């Protein structure tokens, strides 16, 4: 193998690894959400510090589990990727993956779909 072919192979492997995207695949009735940005200012124009910003309860659905039998009951998933939802304030687990923050909740922690 020539030096050029070896260099091209190394560059290709680097590009593949660099562009590799991990996926969160939820199980059962779980849903992966991406939280909307918190308000940084109040309606009157005051700038809020990060600790003073209220955790938003609105998010976009990123991925949905298959549903099926969960805790002995048949669960049909009612949300789909792309839906905007309101979820229970203290629900779910926060996960950080490749610099992005997500929340994994059970479907019954989702209160409404925003249309």
N, C-alpha and C. Protein backbone atom coordinates (compact mmCIF):
# COMPACT_ATOMS: atom_id res chain seq x y z
N UNK A 1 0.85 -1.18 0.00
CA UNK A 1 0.00 0.00 0.00
C UNK A 1 0.89 1.24 0.00
N UNK A 2 0.59 2.17 -0.86
CA UNK A 2 1.41 3.38 -0.96
C UNK A 2 1.15 4.32 0.21
N UNK A 3 2.06 5.26 0.39
CA UNK A 3 1.93 6.23 1.47
C UNK A 3 0.67 7.07 1.30
N UNK A 4 0.33 7.42 0.05
CA UNK A 4 -0.88 8.21 -0.21
C UNK A 4 -2.14 7.44 0.18
N UNK A 5 -2.19 6.14 -0.16
CA UNK A 5 -3.36 5.31 0.19
C UNK A 5 -3.50 5.20 1.70
N UNK A 6 -2.38 5.03 2.40
CA UNK A 6 -2.41 4.93 3.86
C UNK A 6 -2.92 6.24 4.46
N UNK A 7 -2.42 7.36 3.96
CA UNK A 7 -2.85 8.66 4.46
C UNK A 7 -4.34 8.87 4.20
N UNK A 8 -4.82 8.48 3.02
CA UNK A 8 -6.25 8.61 2.70
C UNK A 8 -7.09 7.74 3.62
N UNK A 9 -6.62 6.53 3.92
CA UNK A 9 -7.35 5.63 4.82
C UNK A 9 -7.44 6.22 6.22
N UNK A 10 -6.33 6.77 6.70
CA UNK A 10 -6.32 7.38 8.04
C UNK A 10 -7.27 8.57 8.07
N UNK A 11 -7.26 9.42 7.04
CA UNK A 11 -8.16 10.57 6.98
C UNK A 11 -9.62 10.12 6.97
N UNK A 12 -9.93 9.05 6.23
CA UNK A 12 -11.30 8.54 6.16
C UNK A 12 -11.74 8.03 7.52
N UNK A 13 -10.87 7.26 8.20
CA UNK A 13 -11.21 6.76 9.54
C UNK A 13 -11.43 7.92 10.48
N UNK A 14 -10.59 8.96 10.41
CA UNK A 14 -10.75 10.13 11.27
C UNK A 14 -12.10 10.80 11.01
N UNK A 15 -12.46 10.96 9.73
CA UNK A 15 -13.73 11.60 9.39
C UNK A 15 -14.90 10.78 9.89
N UNK A 16 -14.82 9.47 9.74
CA UNK A 16 -15.91 8.61 10.22
C UNK A 16 -16.06 8.75 11.72
N UNK A 17 -14.96 8.69 12.46
CA UNK A 17 -15.03 8.81 13.92
C UNK A 17 -15.51 10.19 14.34
N UNK A 18 -15.05 11.20 13.64
CA UNK A 18 -15.42 12.58 13.99
C UNK A 18 -16.90 12.83 13.73
N UNK A 19 -17.44 12.24 12.67
CA UNK A 19 -18.84 12.44 12.32
C UNK A 19 -19.77 11.41 12.97
N UNK A 20 -19.21 10.50 13.74
CA UNK A 20 -20.03 9.48 14.40
C UNK A 20 -21.01 10.16 15.36
N UNK A 21 -22.25 9.80 15.24
CA UNK A 21 -23.28 10.39 16.09
C UNK A 21 -23.88 9.28 16.95
N UNK A 22 -23.81 9.47 18.26
CA UNK A 22 -24.44 8.50 19.16
C UNK A 22 -25.93 8.77 19.19
N UNK A 23 -26.70 7.72 19.36
CA UNK A 23 -28.14 7.87 19.45
C UNK A 23 -28.61 7.41 20.82
N UNK A 24 -29.60 8.10 21.36
CA UNK A 24 -30.28 7.64 22.55
C UNK A 24 -31.51 6.89 22.07
N UNK A 25 -31.61 5.63 22.40
CA UNK A 25 -32.75 4.82 21.99
C UNK A 25 -33.51 4.45 23.26
N UNK A 26 -34.66 5.09 23.49
CA UNK A 26 -35.41 4.82 24.71
C UNK A 26 -36.07 3.44 24.68
N UNK A 27 -36.22 2.85 25.85
CA UNK A 27 -36.84 1.54 26.00
C UNK A 27 -38.23 1.67 26.60
N UNK A 28 -39.09 0.69 26.35
CA UNK A 28 -40.42 0.67 26.95
C UNK A 28 -41.21 1.92 26.65
N UNK A 29 -41.74 2.54 27.70
CA UNK A 29 -42.57 3.74 27.53
C UNK A 29 -41.79 5.03 27.76
N UNK A 30 -40.49 4.97 27.61
CA UNK A 30 -39.68 6.17 27.85
C UNK A 30 -39.57 7.03 26.60
N UNK A 31 -39.38 8.33 26.85
CA UNK A 31 -39.32 9.33 25.78
C UNK A 31 -38.11 10.22 26.04
N UNK A 32 -37.32 10.48 25.00
CA UNK A 32 -36.17 11.38 25.10
C UNK A 32 -36.63 12.77 24.68
N UNK A 33 -36.41 13.75 25.57
CA UNK A 33 -36.82 15.14 25.32
C UNK A 33 -35.60 16.05 25.27
N UNK A 34 -35.71 17.10 24.48
CA UNK A 34 -34.71 18.18 24.44
C UNK A 34 -35.42 19.42 24.95
N UNK A 35 -34.98 19.90 26.09
CA UNK A 35 -35.62 21.03 26.74
C UNK A 35 -35.48 22.30 25.92
N UNK A 36 -36.54 23.13 25.92
CA UNK A 36 -36.43 24.44 25.28
C UNK A 36 -35.57 25.33 26.17
N UNK A 37 -35.00 26.35 25.61
CA UNK A 37 -34.12 27.24 26.37
C UNK A 37 -34.91 27.99 27.44
N UNK A 38 -34.29 28.17 28.60
CA UNK A 38 -34.91 28.93 29.69
C UNK A 38 -34.87 30.42 29.35
N UNK A 39 -35.85 31.14 29.85
CA UNK A 39 -35.89 32.59 29.65
C UNK A 39 -34.70 33.23 30.37
N UNK A 40 -33.99 34.10 29.68
CA UNK A 40 -32.84 34.76 30.28
C UNK A 40 -33.17 36.14 30.84
N UNK A 41 -34.34 36.67 30.46
CA UNK A 41 -34.77 37.96 30.99
C UNK A 41 -36.23 37.87 31.40
N UNK A 42 -36.61 38.73 32.33
CA UNK A 42 -38.01 38.78 32.74
C UNK A 42 -38.78 39.66 31.74
N UNK A 43 -40.09 39.68 31.86
CA UNK A 43 -40.91 40.52 30.97
C UNK A 43 -40.57 41.99 31.13
N UNK A 44 -40.10 42.38 32.33
CA UNK A 44 -39.75 43.78 32.55
C UNK A 44 -38.31 44.10 32.13
N UNK A 45 -37.57 43.08 31.64
CA UNK A 45 -36.23 43.32 31.12
C UNK A 45 -35.09 42.99 32.05
N UNK A 46 -35.38 42.49 33.25
CA UNK A 46 -34.31 42.11 34.17
C UNK A 46 -33.61 40.85 33.67
N UNK A 47 -32.30 40.85 33.73
CA UNK A 47 -31.52 39.68 33.30
C UNK A 47 -31.43 38.70 34.47
N UNK A 48 -31.79 37.44 34.21
CA UNK A 48 -31.76 36.41 35.24
C UNK A 48 -30.43 35.66 35.22
N UNK A 49 -29.90 35.38 36.41
CA UNK A 49 -28.71 34.53 36.49
C UNK A 49 -29.15 33.09 36.20
N UNK A 50 -28.20 32.24 35.90
CA UNK A 50 -28.51 30.85 35.60
C UNK A 50 -29.26 30.19 36.75
N UNK A 51 -28.87 30.47 37.98
CA UNK A 51 -29.53 29.85 39.13
C UNK A 51 -30.94 30.38 39.34
N UNK A 52 -31.24 31.58 38.87
CA UNK A 52 -32.57 32.17 39.03
C UNK A 52 -33.53 31.77 37.92
N UNK A 53 -33.00 31.22 36.83
CA UNK A 53 -33.86 30.83 35.72
C UNK A 53 -34.66 29.60 36.10
N UNK A 54 -35.96 29.66 35.91
CA UNK A 54 -36.81 28.52 36.23
C UNK A 54 -36.66 27.45 35.16
N UNK A 55 -36.60 26.21 35.61
CA UNK A 55 -36.48 25.09 34.68
C UNK A 55 -37.74 25.03 33.82
N UNK A 56 -37.59 25.16 32.50
CA UNK A 56 -38.77 25.12 31.65
C UNK A 56 -39.38 23.73 31.64
N UNK A 57 -40.68 23.66 31.46
CA UNK A 57 -41.38 22.38 31.42
C UNK A 57 -41.79 22.05 29.99
N UNK A 58 -41.31 22.80 29.04
CA UNK A 58 -41.64 22.55 27.64
C UNK A 58 -40.42 21.96 26.95
N UNK A 59 -40.66 20.96 26.10
CA UNK A 59 -39.55 20.29 25.42
C UNK A 59 -40.01 19.74 24.08
N UNK A 60 -39.02 19.37 23.27
CA UNK A 60 -39.30 18.72 21.99
C UNK A 60 -38.99 17.24 22.14
N UNK A 61 -39.86 16.40 21.60
CA UNK A 61 -39.64 14.95 21.63
C UNK A 61 -38.57 14.62 20.59
N UNK A 62 -37.51 13.95 21.03
CA UNK A 62 -36.41 13.56 20.15
C UNK A 62 -36.55 12.10 19.72
N UNK A 63 -36.89 11.23 20.67
CA UNK A 63 -37.04 9.80 20.37
C UNK A 63 -38.08 9.20 21.30
N UNK A 64 -38.73 8.14 20.83
CA UNK A 64 -39.82 7.50 21.56
C UNK A 64 -39.57 6.00 21.63
N UNK A 65 -39.76 5.43 22.82
CA UNK A 65 -39.63 3.98 22.97
C UNK A 65 -40.76 3.25 22.27
N UNK A 66 -40.67 1.93 22.20
CA UNK A 66 -41.67 1.15 21.47
C UNK A 66 -42.99 0.95 22.19
N UNK A 67 -43.05 1.28 23.48
CA UNK A 67 -44.27 1.01 24.23
C UNK A 67 -44.32 -0.46 24.59
N UNK A 68 -45.48 -1.09 24.39
CA UNK A 68 -45.61 -2.52 24.70
C UNK A 68 -46.04 -2.73 26.14
N UNK A 69 -45.70 -3.88 26.70
CA UNK A 69 -46.08 -4.20 28.07
C UNK A 69 -45.14 -3.49 29.05
N UNK A 70 -45.71 -2.62 29.87
CA UNK A 70 -44.95 -1.90 30.88
C UNK A 70 -45.70 -2.05 32.19
N UNK A 71 -45.03 -2.62 33.18
CA UNK A 71 -45.64 -2.87 34.49
C UNK A 71 -46.94 -3.65 34.36
N UNK A 72 -46.98 -4.63 33.46
CA UNK A 72 -48.15 -5.49 33.29
C UNK A 72 -49.29 -4.88 32.51
N UNK A 73 -49.10 -3.70 31.95
CA UNK A 73 -50.15 -3.03 31.18
C UNK A 73 -49.65 -2.73 29.78
N UNK A 74 -50.55 -2.84 28.80
CA UNK A 74 -50.22 -2.51 27.42
C UNK A 74 -50.14 -0.99 27.27
N UNK A 75 -49.01 -0.48 26.78
CA UNK A 75 -48.83 0.96 26.61
C UNK A 75 -48.67 1.26 25.13
N UNK A 76 -49.53 2.15 24.62
CA UNK A 76 -49.42 2.64 23.25
C UNK A 76 -48.82 4.03 23.32
N UNK A 77 -47.77 4.27 22.57
CA UNK A 77 -47.11 5.57 22.62
C UNK A 77 -47.98 6.61 21.91
N UNK A 78 -48.18 7.75 22.58
CA UNK A 78 -49.06 8.80 22.07
C UNK A 78 -48.30 10.01 21.54
N UNK A 79 -46.99 10.03 21.71
CA UNK A 79 -46.19 11.14 21.19
C UNK A 79 -45.24 10.60 20.13
N UNK A 80 -44.72 11.52 19.32
CA UNK A 80 -43.79 11.13 18.25
C UNK A 80 -42.68 12.16 18.17
N UNK A 81 -41.53 11.79 17.60
CA UNK A 81 -40.45 12.75 17.46
C UNK A 81 -40.92 14.02 16.73
N UNK A 82 -40.50 15.16 17.28
CA UNK A 82 -40.89 16.44 16.70
C UNK A 82 -42.01 17.12 17.47
N UNK A 83 -42.78 16.35 18.26
CA UNK A 83 -43.86 16.94 19.06
C UNK A 83 -43.28 17.88 20.10
N UNK A 84 -43.99 18.97 20.37
CA UNK A 84 -43.66 19.86 21.48
C UNK A 84 -44.57 19.44 22.62
N UNK A 85 -43.99 19.24 23.81
CA UNK A 85 -44.77 18.73 24.94
C UNK A 85 -44.51 19.53 26.20
N UNK A 86 -45.45 19.43 27.12
CA UNK A 86 -45.31 19.95 28.48
C UNK A 86 -45.18 18.72 29.37
N UNK A 87 -44.17 18.71 30.23
CA UNK A 87 -43.96 17.55 31.09
C UNK A 87 -43.91 17.97 32.56
N UNK A 88 -44.10 17.00 33.43
CA UNK A 88 -44.11 17.24 34.87
C UNK A 88 -42.77 17.83 35.31
N UNK A 89 -42.83 18.83 36.17
CA UNK A 89 -41.67 19.63 36.54
C UNK A 89 -40.47 18.82 37.07
N UNK A 90 -40.72 17.82 37.88
CA UNK A 90 -39.61 17.07 38.49
C UNK A 90 -39.45 15.68 37.89
N UNK A 91 -39.95 15.48 36.70
CA UNK A 91 -39.92 14.16 36.06
C UNK A 91 -38.59 13.88 35.40
N UNK A 92 -38.29 12.61 35.27
CA UNK A 92 -37.22 12.15 34.40
C UNK A 92 -35.81 12.25 34.94
N UNK A 93 -34.91 11.83 34.09
CA UNK A 93 -33.47 11.84 34.38
C UNK A 93 -32.77 12.68 33.32
N UNK A 94 -31.91 13.57 33.78
CA UNK A 94 -31.15 14.39 32.84
C UNK A 94 -29.91 13.62 32.39
N UNK A 95 -29.64 13.67 31.09
CA UNK A 95 -28.52 12.94 30.50
C UNK A 95 -27.76 13.90 29.59
N UNK A 96 -26.43 13.82 29.63
CA UNK A 96 -25.61 14.64 28.74
C UNK A 96 -24.90 13.69 27.79
N UNK A 97 -25.05 13.93 26.49
CA UNK A 97 -24.44 13.08 25.47
C UNK A 97 -23.84 13.96 24.40
N UNK A 98 -22.55 13.83 24.18
CA UNK A 98 -21.82 14.60 23.19
C UNK A 98 -22.10 16.10 23.31
N UNK A 99 -22.09 16.61 24.55
CA UNK A 99 -22.25 18.03 24.80
C UNK A 99 -23.68 18.53 24.79
N UNK A 100 -24.64 17.68 24.48
CA UNK A 100 -26.06 18.06 24.47
C UNK A 100 -26.75 17.49 25.70
N UNK A 101 -27.70 18.25 26.24
CA UNK A 101 -28.45 17.77 27.41
C UNK A 101 -29.83 17.31 26.99
N UNK A 102 -30.23 16.15 27.52
CA UNK A 102 -31.53 15.56 27.23
C UNK A 102 -32.19 15.16 28.54
N UNK A 103 -33.49 14.93 28.49
CA UNK A 103 -34.23 14.42 29.63
C UNK A 103 -34.96 13.17 29.16
N UNK A 104 -34.84 12.10 29.94
CA UNK A 104 -35.56 10.87 29.62
C UNK A 104 -36.68 10.73 30.63
N UNK A 105 -37.92 10.73 30.14
CA UNK A 105 -39.10 10.63 31.00
C UNK A 105 -39.95 9.45 30.56
N UNK A 106 -40.84 9.02 31.45
CA UNK A 106 -41.84 8.03 31.07
C UNK A 106 -42.97 8.79 30.39
N UNK A 107 -43.67 8.12 29.50
CA UNK A 107 -44.75 8.78 28.76
C UNK A 107 -45.79 9.38 29.71
N UNK A 108 -46.08 8.70 30.84
CA UNK A 108 -47.11 9.25 31.74
C UNK A 108 -46.66 10.50 32.49
N UNK A 109 -45.37 10.90 32.36
CA UNK A 109 -44.90 12.17 32.91
C UNK A 109 -45.13 13.33 31.95
N UNK A 110 -45.56 13.02 30.72
CA UNK A 110 -45.89 14.06 29.74
C UNK A 110 -47.34 14.45 29.96
N UNK A 111 -47.56 15.73 30.21
CA UNK A 111 -48.90 16.21 30.56
C UNK A 111 -49.73 16.61 29.36
N UNK A 112 -49.08 17.14 28.31
CA UNK A 112 -49.83 17.62 27.15
C UNK A 112 -48.91 17.77 25.94
N UNK A 113 -49.53 17.71 24.77
CA UNK A 113 -48.84 18.02 23.52
C UNK A 113 -49.25 19.42 23.12
N UNK A 114 -48.27 20.27 22.78
CA UNK A 114 -48.56 21.65 22.37
C UNK A 114 -48.78 21.65 20.86
N UNK A 115 -49.96 22.12 20.44
CA UNK A 115 -50.27 22.15 19.00
C UNK A 115 -50.26 23.56 18.47
